[in-house]
C-alpha cells in the first residue's frame, strides 16, 4: 500500500512546530524573568519572581538557575526566615557588564564608567583638544576613557556600550554630528564611526548633549515626575531639549530645540548672525561678557561670580547687563512654554551655575508673558546633567540588548536540543 504523504509528513512537522513553540516560549519566559530582575532595585526571592511574572514555580526555578549560571543573576544564599522556610535571595548582577558616558564639551569633556544600572564606578574630567581634527580629538578622548577603565579595573571586553553627547545637532540614525558651532571644523562629523574605531569596535550611540541633560534631570534631577518638560541650556551656546510624554522630541531634521537660532525681533531679520543664531548672539555668555566691561577673558566661572555679586551690590552696569540678558532668555523661555506647554522648565549651563538674580529675572519675564503657569527651576545636576543622561541611556540600551541576546541564546539552545 502506498503511504499517505500527509501521514508521513505530519508527525515531523508537528515535532518541529512543537520544538519551535517550546523554544520560543522559553525565550519569552527568560525575558520575562530577566525584565523583573533588572527592574528590582535590591534583592528578591523565587516566590517574588513567581508572583511578578505569573509563571509556575518549576519554570521560575529552572530559569533563575539558568540565569545564575550565566552570571546575570547572583545567588546570595538564604535569607532570614519569616516564619517558614528560609527564602533563597537573589539580585541582578549589575556588573555583569559595563557602560560608559562621554560628555564632549568645547573646553572640557566629562567621562564616566558605570554598571548596568547606570551607577557610576569612575569619573574623570579632561581638557577637550579642540585644536585637533575631529578624528584625532575623538582618538584622544577614547584613550582617556580606556585609561579611566584601567584605573577602575573595568575589563575592555566587559564594556557593552558607550553613549556620547555632542554640543551640536546630531543625526541619531547614523551617529553624525551635522554641526557643532563651538568646535572648530565640526561639520558632518561621523562621530559614532570614529569613536567605535578608536574604541576597538565597542558599540557607540551619539546624542545631542542638551537632550541628554534633560534625560539626566528627568532621571535623577530637577525634572523627576515631570513627563512633559524642557531644558534650556545657556553657556557659550544656547539650546533646548524637549520631553513630551516621556519621549524626546527631536524634530524632522533632528533640530528641535535649537533655540539659539531663534529670531528675537523684526529688526534682526536682515542682520547676519552666522550659524550661531540670533538669540545665541544676543544672550549667550559672550554677549553677557560684552555688556559688562569688567568681565575678564578667562573662564566664565570667575567673572560671572563677580558680575552677580556686583549686581547684588547695586552696580548699575552689572544690573543692566544681567537684566538685558535675562529679559532675552525669559522671552525665549516663554516662547518654549507657549509652544510645548510643559509642566516644568529646567535652566542649566554656565549662565545659571550662579543662580542669583538672573533666574529671578527670567522667571519674572516668563510669568508676565506665558498664559499657563509653568515652574522654572535651576538644574539639580549642574554640569553633570549630560553625563547622567549618557549613563541612563547607555544602561537602558545595554540591558535591552543583554535581554535580547539571552532570549535568542535560550531559543537557539532549545532548538538544537
Protein backbone atom coordinates (compact mmCIF):
# COMPACT_ATOMS: atom_id res chain seq x y z
CA UNK A 1 0.00 0.00 0.00
CA UNK A 2 1.29 3.38 -0.93
CA UNK A 3 1.84 5.52 2.21
CA UNK A 4 -0.28 8.59 2.66
CA UNK A 5 2.14 11.54 2.28
CA UNK A 6 0.11 13.59 4.73
CA UNK A 7 0.51 10.95 7.46
CA UNK A 8 4.24 10.73 6.73
CA UNK A 9 4.83 14.46 6.93
CA UNK A 10 2.52 15.47 9.75
CA UNK A 11 4.45 13.98 12.70
CA UNK A 12 7.73 15.56 11.54
CA UNK A 13 6.08 18.93 11.06
CA UNK A 14 4.29 18.61 14.35
CA UNK A 15 7.53 17.91 16.25
CA UNK A 16 9.32 20.80 14.53
CA UNK A 17 6.47 23.16 15.32
CA UNK A 18 6.41 21.96 18.91
CA UNK A 19 10.18 22.47 19.18
CA UNK A 20 9.89 25.95 17.76
CA UNK A 21 6.99 26.71 20.07
CA UNK A 22 8.82 25.39 23.14
CA UNK A 23 11.98 27.30 22.24
CA UNK A 24 10.04 30.48 21.62
CA UNK A 25 8.11 30.09 24.88
CA UNK A 26 11.30 29.51 26.88
CA UNK A 27 12.90 32.57 25.30
CA UNK A 28 9.88 34.70 26.21
CA UNK A 29 9.92 33.39 29.77
CA UNK A 30 13.65 34.11 30.09
CA UNK A 31 12.94 37.67 29.03
CA UNK A 32 10.05 37.99 31.47
CA UNK A 33 12.09 36.80 34.45
CA UNK A 34 15.09 38.91 33.49
CA UNK A 35 12.95 42.02 32.99
CA UNK A 36 11.60 41.70 36.53
CA UNK A 37 15.05 41.00 37.96
CA UNK A 38 16.58 44.04 36.25
CA UNK A 39 13.83 46.34 37.48
CA UNK A 40 14.21 45.28 41.12
CA UNK A 41 16.49 47.76 42.92
CA UNK A 42 17.51 45.23 45.57
CA UNK A 43 17.22 41.56 46.37
CA UNK A 44 14.33 39.27 45.50
CA UNK A 45 13.22 35.68 46.04
CA UNK A 46 11.88 32.97 43.74
CA UNK A 47 8.45 33.48 45.29
CA UNK A 48 8.56 37.16 44.31
CA UNK A 49 9.58 36.23 40.78
CA UNK A 50 6.68 33.80 40.58
CA UNK A 51 4.25 36.48 41.75
CA UNK A 52 5.67 39.18 39.44
CA UNK A 53 5.88 37.03 36.30
CA UNK A 54 2.85 34.77 36.75
CA UNK A 55 4.98 31.75 35.81
CA UNK A 56 4.92 28.41 37.58
CA UNK A 57 7.36 27.55 40.39
CA UNK A 58 9.20 24.86 38.33
CA UNK A 59 9.59 27.28 35.39
CA UNK A 60 10.92 30.09 37.57
CA UNK A 61 13.23 27.67 39.36
CA UNK A 62 14.67 26.39 36.08
CA UNK A 63 15.06 29.84 34.50
CA UNK A 64 16.55 31.50 37.57
CA UNK A 65 19.08 28.65 37.87
CA UNK A 66 19.99 29.17 34.22
CA UNK A 67 20.41 32.92 34.71
CA UNK A 68 22.57 32.34 37.79
CA UNK A 69 24.80 30.06 35.68
CA UNK A 70 25.17 32.76 33.03
CA UNK A 71 26.16 35.28 35.73
CA UNK A 72 23.32 37.72 35.03
CA UNK A 73 21.66 36.92 38.36
CA UNK A 74 23.69 36.49 41.53
CA UNK A 75 22.71 33.87 44.14
CA UNK A 76 23.07 35.40 47.61
CA UNK A 77 22.15 32.32 49.59
CA UNK A 78 19.31 32.04 52.09
CA UNK A 79 17.77 34.97 53.86
CA UNK A 80 16.16 35.21 57.32
CA UNK A 81 13.04 33.18 57.94
CA UNK A 82 9.67 34.93 58.15
CA UNK A 83 8.04 32.07 59.99
CA UNK A 84 8.52 29.36 57.40
CA UNK A 85 11.20 28.05 55.12
CA UNK A 86 14.18 30.37 54.75
CA UNK A 87 13.98 32.04 51.30
CA UNK A 88 16.77 31.99 48.74
CA UNK A 89 17.83 35.55 47.92
CA UNK A 90 18.97 36.72 44.50
CA UNK A 91 19.83 40.01 42.82
CA UNK A 92 20.52 41.29 39.35
CA UNK A 93 24.27 41.34 38.76
CA UNK A 94 24.67 44.96 37.64
CA UNK A 95 28.36 44.31 37.00
CA UNK A 96 27.74 41.53 34.52
CA UNK A 97 28.73 44.22 32.04
CA UNK A 98 29.62 47.90 31.97
CA UNK A 99 28.70 51.08 30.10
CA UNK A 100 30.41 54.42 29.65
CA UNK A 101 29.42 58.02 29.00
CA UNK A 102 31.26 60.81 27.19
CA UNK A 103 30.03 64.39 27.51
CA UNK A 104 32.06 66.22 24.86
CA UNK A 105 32.25 69.96 25.56
CA UNK A 106 34.01 72.81 23.76
CA UNK A 107 36.62 73.16 26.51
CA UNK A 108 36.17 70.17 28.85
CA UNK A 109 34.99 66.61 28.39
CA UNK A 110 33.44 64.54 31.16
CA UNK A 111 33.94 60.77 31.19
CA UNK A 112 32.35 58.08 33.33
CA UNK A 113 32.19 54.30 33.57
CA UNK A 114 29.11 52.74 35.16
CA UNK A 115 27.40 49.43 35.86
CA UNK A 116 24.26 48.20 34.13
CA UNK A 117 22.05 50.28 36.41
CA UNK A 118 23.88 53.43 35.37
CA UNK A 119 25.52 53.88 38.77
CA UNK A 120 28.97 55.45 38.23
CA UNK A 121 32.09 53.49 39.07
CA UNK A 122 34.70 56.01 37.91
CA UNK A 123 34.61 59.62 36.71
CA UNK A 124 37.10 62.00 35.13
CA UNK A 125 37.21 65.47 33.55
CA UNK A 126 39.73 66.08 30.76
CA UNK A 127 40.52 69.06 28.54
CA UNK A 128 38.95 68.89 25.10
CA UNK A 129 41.72 69.02 22.47
CA UNK A 130 39.56 71.26 20.28
CA UNK A 131 42.54 72.34 18.16
CA UNK A 132 42.74 68.79 16.78
CA UNK A 133 40.88 67.46 13.76
CA UNK A 134 37.72 65.55 14.80
CA UNK A 135 39.28 62.11 14.28
CA UNK A 136 42.35 62.96 16.36
CA UNK A 137 40.22 64.66 19.02
CA UNK A 138 37.99 61.61 19.40
CA UNK A 139 41.02 59.33 19.43
CA UNK A 140 42.43 61.19 22.43
CA UNK A 141 39.07 61.12 24.20
CA UNK A 142 38.84 57.35 23.60
CA UNK A 143 42.35 56.91 25.02
CA UNK A 144 41.34 58.87 28.13
CA UNK A 145 38.30 56.62 28.56
CA UNK A 146 40.42 53.46 28.26
CA UNK A 147 42.80 54.89 30.87
CA UNK A 148 39.86 55.53 33.21
CA UNK A 149 38.66 51.96 32.71
CA UNK A 150 42.12 50.61 33.54
CA UNK A 151 42.24 52.57 36.78
CA UNK A 152 38.74 51.33 37.69
CA UNK A 153 39.70 47.72 36.80
CA UNK A 154 36.90 47.53 34.23
CA UNK A 155 37.82 44.99 31.53
CA UNK A 156 37.66 46.20 27.93
CA UNK A 157 35.69 43.11 26.90
CA UNK A 158 33.09 43.94 29.56
CA UNK A 159 32.25 47.35 28.04
CA UNK A 160 28.90 46.81 26.31
CA UNK A 161 28.01 50.32 25.12
CA UNK A 162 29.26 53.91 25.11
CA UNK A 163 26.88 56.87 24.83
CA UNK A 164 28.44 60.16 23.78
CA UNK A 165 26.92 63.63 23.96
CA UNK A 166 27.85 66.20 21.34
CA UNK A 167 27.42 70.00 21.60
CA UNK A 168 25.55 70.32 18.32
CA UNK A 169 22.87 68.93 16.02
CA UNK A 170 23.05 65.12 15.85
CA UNK A 171 21.53 62.73 13.33
CA UNK A 172 20.98 59.84 15.74
CA UNK A 173 20.22 57.38 12.91
CA UNK A 174 23.80 57.40 11.65
CA UNK A 175 25.56 59.00 14.61
CA UNK A 176 26.72 62.02 12.63
CA UNK A 177 27.15 65.49 14.12
CA UNK A 178 25.73 67.80 11.47
CA UNK A 179 27.46 70.79 13.02
CA UNK A 180 28.86 71.82 16.38
CA UNK A 181 29.29 75.61 16.23
CA UNK A 182 31.67 75.80 19.19
CA UNK A 183 34.03 73.08 17.97
CA UNK A 184 36.26 74.08 15.01
CA UNK A 185 35.82 72.04 11.81
CA UNK A 186 32.91 70.05 13.22
CA UNK A 187 30.57 69.78 10.24
CA UNK A 188 29.14 66.40 9.19
CA UNK A 189 31.46 64.54 11.56
CA UNK A 190 30.85 60.76 11.71
CA UNK A 191 31.27 60.76 15.48
CA UNK A 192 29.84 57.28 16.11
CA UNK A 193 32.04 55.62 13.49
CA UNK A 194 35.19 57.45 14.59
CA UNK A 195 34.62 56.63 18.27
CA UNK A 196 33.83 52.98 17.54
CA UNK A 197 37.09 52.63 15.63
CA UNK A 198 39.05 54.36 18.39
CA UNK A 199 37.45 52.07 20.99
CA UNK A 200 38.21 48.87 19.10
CA UNK A 201 34.69 48.20 17.89
CA UNK A 202 32.71 48.85 21.10
CA UNK A 203 29.17 49.93 20.14
CA UNK A 204 28.59 53.68 20.39
CA UNK A 205 25.49 55.86 20.41
CA UNK A 206 25.63 59.63 19.85
CA UNK A 207 23.05 62.14 21.08
CA UNK A 208 22.77 65.91 21.49
CA UNK A 209 24.18 66.96 24.88
CA UNK A 210 21.19 69.11 25.89
CA UNK A 211 18.82 66.21 25.14
CA UNK A 212 20.97 64.07 27.42
CA UNK A 213 20.94 66.77 30.10
CA UNK A 214 17.14 66.72 30.12
CA UNK A 215 17.09 62.91 30.36
CA UNK A 216 19.54 63.11 33.25
CA UNK A 217 17.40 65.67 35.08
CA UNK A 218 14.27 63.59 34.46
CA UNK A 219 16.05 60.51 35.84
CA UNK A 220 17.81 61.86 38.90
CA UNK A 221 17.44 65.62 38.95
CA UNK A 222 15.01 68.53 38.98
CA UNK A 223 12.60 67.10 36.37
CA UNK A 224 11.70 63.89 38.20
CA UNK A 225 7.96 63.32 37.92
CA UNK A 226 7.54 65.77 35.01
CA UNK A 227 6.84 63.81 31.83
CA UNK A 228 6.36 66.87 29.60
CA UNK A 229 9.16 69.31 30.34
CA UNK A 230 12.05 71.18 28.76
CA UNK A 231 15.68 72.00 29.49
CA UNK A 232 17.16 75.33 28.40
CA UNK A 233 20.95 75.47 28.31
CA UNK A 234 22.75 78.81 28.25
CA UNK A 235 26.53 78.86 28.10
CA UNK A 236 28.90 79.52 25.23
CA UNK A 237 25.99 78.28 23.13
CA UNK A 238 22.23 78.21 23.71
CA UNK A 239 20.00 75.22 23.15
CA UNK A 240 16.92 73.46 24.44
CA UNK A 241 15.65 69.91 24.83
CA UNK A 242 12.00 68.88 24.90
CA UNK A 243 10.41 65.86 26.54
CA UNK A 244 6.79 65.11 25.59
CA UNK A 245 5.06 62.25 27.42
CA UNK A 246 8.47 60.86 28.46
CA UNK A 247 9.74 60.85 24.88
CA UNK A 248 12.42 63.17 23.46
CA UNK A 249 11.14 65.36 20.65
CA UNK A 250 13.97 65.65 18.11
CA UNK A 251 12.16 67.03 15.08
CA UNK A 252 12.14 66.09 11.41
CA UNK A 253 15.75 67.22 10.89
CA UNK A 254 16.91 66.48 14.47
CA UNK A 255 16.89 70.25 15.03
CA UNK A 256 14.11 70.58 17.61
CA UNK A 257 15.24 72.79 20.47
CA UNK A 258 17.87 74.77 18.56
CA UNK A 259 16.54 77.97 20.10
CA UNK A 260 19.92 79.67 19.77
CA UNK A 261 18.79 80.40 16.20
CA UNK A 262 15.54 81.98 17.37
CA UNK A 263 15.00 85.48 15.95
CA UNK A 264 14.18 87.86 18.79
CA UNK A 265 12.62 90.71 16.77
CA UNK A 266 11.93 92.05 13.27
CA UNK A 267 14.95 94.38 13.48
CA UNK A 268 17.22 91.34 13.35
CA UNK A 269 15.77 89.64 10.26
CA UNK A 270 18.20 91.21 7.77
CA UNK A 271 21.22 91.00 10.04
CA UNK A 272 23.85 88.30 9.56
CA UNK A 273 24.36 86.35 12.76
CA UNK A 274 26.10 83.44 11.03
CA UNK A 275 25.48 79.88 12.13
CA UNK A 276 25.34 80.87 15.80
CA UNK A 277 21.81 82.20 15.61
CA UNK A 278 20.15 85.40 16.77
CA UNK A 279 19.31 84.51 20.39
CA UNK A 280 22.73 82.97 20.98
CA UNK A 281 24.45 86.08 19.65
CA UNK A 282 22.33 88.37 21.80
CA UNK A 283 22.14 86.39 25.05
CA UNK A 284 24.99 83.86 25.22
CA UNK A 285 27.97 84.16 27.53
CA UNK A 286 29.93 86.26 25.04
CA UNK A 287 27.05 88.72 24.78
CA UNK A 288 26.84 88.97 28.58
CA UNK A 289 30.59 89.48 28.78
CA UNK A 290 30.33 92.30 26.22
CA UNK A 291 27.62 94.01 28.30
CA UNK A 292 29.89 94.18 31.34
CA UNK A 293 33.28 95.75 30.51
CA UNK A 294 34.84 94.49 33.76
CA UNK A 295 34.44 90.87 32.69
CA UNK A 296 37.77 89.09 32.33
CA UNK A 297 38.69 87.00 29.31
CA UNK A 298 39.22 83.84 31.34
CA UNK A 299 36.88 81.08 32.48
CA UNK A 300 33.32 82.45 32.91
CA UNK A 301 33.08 80.81 36.34
CA UNK A 302 35.24 83.62 37.68
CA UNK A 303 33.79 86.73 36.15
CA UNK A 304 30.18 85.51 36.37
CA UNK A 305 30.56 85.33 40.15
CA UNK A 306 31.91 88.88 40.20
CA UNK A 307 29.11 90.09 37.91
CA UNK A 308 26.35 88.60 40.06
CA UNK A 309 27.98 89.98 43.21
CA UNK A 310 28.21 93.44 41.63
CA UNK A 311 24.55 93.28 40.55
CA UNK A 312 23.53 92.25 44.09
CA UNK A 313 25.53 95.18 45.45
CA UNK A 314 23.62 97.60 43.21
CA UNK A 315 26.23 98.27 40.49
CA UNK A 316 24.10 99.88 37.71
CA UNK A 317 26.20 98.48 34.85
CA UNK A 318 26.12 94.96 36.30
CA UNK A 319 22.38 95.16 36.93
CA UNK A 320 21.75 96.38 33.40
CA UNK A 321 23.88 93.56 31.92
CA UNK A 322 22.04 90.94 33.95
CA UNK A 323 18.63 92.48 33.26
CA UNK A 324 19.06 92.71 29.47
CA UNK A 325 20.37 89.18 29.19
CA UNK A 326 17.70 87.71 31.48
CA UNK A 327 14.97 89.53 29.55
CA UNK A 328 16.02 87.89 26.27
CA UNK A 329 16.34 84.44 27.84
CA UNK A 330 12.98 84.94 29.55
CA UNK A 331 11.28 85.77 26.24
CA UNK A 332 12.76 82.65 24.64
CA UNK A 333 11.72 80.55 27.64
CA UNK A 334 8.18 81.91 27.48
CA UNK A 335 8.06 81.05 23.79
CA UNK A 336 9.03 77.46 24.59
CA UNK A 337 6.27 77.38 27.24
CA UNK A 338 3.74 78.61 24.67
CA UNK A 339 4.70 76.01 22.06
CA UNK A 340 5.28 72.96 24.28
CA UNK A 341 3.04 73.64 27.31
CA UNK A 342 5.40 71.86 29.73
CA UNK A 343 4.85 71.48 33.47
CA UNK A 344 8.48 72.42 34.14
CA UNK A 345 11.39 74.28 32.54
CA UNK A 346 14.90 73.48 33.80
CA UNK A 347 17.57 76.16 33.36
CA UNK A 348 21.15 74.95 33.07
CA UNK A 349 24.58 75.71 31.68
CA UNK A 350 27.33 78.05 32.85
CA UNK A 351 24.98 81.04 32.80
CA UNK A 352 22.92 79.55 35.63
CA UNK A 353 25.71 77.99 37.67
CA UNK A 354 25.46 81.14 39.79
CA UNK A 355 21.66 81.31 40.03
CA UNK A 356 21.21 84.61 41.84
CA UNK A 357 19.11 87.39 40.34
CA UNK A 358 19.45 86.05 36.79
CA UNK A 359 16.99 83.22 37.42
CA UNK A 360 14.62 85.56 39.21
CA UNK A 361 14.58 87.89 36.21
CA UNK A 362 13.91 85.00 33.82
CA UNK A 363 11.03 83.74 36.00
CA UNK A 364 9.52 87.23 36.13
CA UNK A 365 9.58 87.56 32.32
CA UNK A 366 8.03 84.11 31.86
CA UNK A 367 5.28 84.85 34.38
CA UNK A 368 4.44 88.12 32.63
CA UNK A 369 4.22 86.55 29.15
CA UNK A 370 3.18 82.90 29.43
CA UNK A 371 -0.55 82.16 29.54
CA UNK A 372 -0.16 78.97 31.58
CA UNK A 373 1.65 78.52 34.92
CA UNK A 374 4.95 76.68 34.47
CA UNK A 375 7.64 76.02 37.05
CA UNK A 376 11.06 77.44 36.14
CA UNK A 377 13.84 75.83 38.17
CA UNK A 378 17.62 75.56 38.12
CA UNK A 379 19.29 72.29 37.15
CA UNK A 380 19.84 69.99 40.12
CA UNK A 381 22.70 68.11 38.45
CA UNK A 382 24.52 71.15 37.07
CA UNK A 383 27.40 70.37 34.74
CA UNK A 384 26.94 66.64 35.35
CA UNK A 385 23.45 66.53 33.81
CA UNK A 386 24.50 65.49 30.26
CA UNK A 387 26.79 62.78 31.63
CA UNK A 388 23.96 61.44 33.79
CA UNK A 389 21.83 61.25 30.65
CA UNK A 390 24.64 59.37 28.87
CA UNK A 391 24.77 56.74 31.62
CA UNK A 392 20.98 56.41 31.76
CA UNK A 393 20.65 55.79 28.02
CA UNK A 394 23.69 53.50 27.96
CA UNK A 395 22.42 51.36 30.85
CA UNK A 396 18.91 51.08 29.42
CA UNK A 397 20.15 50.13 25.95
CA UNK A 398 22.75 47.70 27.30
CA UNK A 399 20.16 45.92 29.44
CA UNK A 400 17.81 45.73 26.47
CA UNK A 401 20.49 44.18 24.25
CA UNK A 402 21.50 41.80 27.03
CA UNK A 403 17.92 40.58 27.33
CA UNK A 404 17.71 40.14 23.57
CA UNK A 405 20.93 38.13 23.41
CA UNK A 406 19.90 35.84 26.29
CA UNK A 407 16.45 35.39 24.78
CA UNK A 408 17.95 34.47 21.41
CA UNK A 409 20.52 32.14 23.01
CA UNK A 410 17.81 30.36 25.01
CA UNK A 411 15.73 29.81 21.86
CA UNK A 412 18.69 28.52 19.86
CA UNK A 413 19.79 26.11 22.60
CA UNK A 414 16.33 24.59 22.84
CA UNK A 415 16.09 24.23 19.07
CA UNK A 416 19.43 22.44 18.92
CA UNK A 417 18.46 20.13 21.75
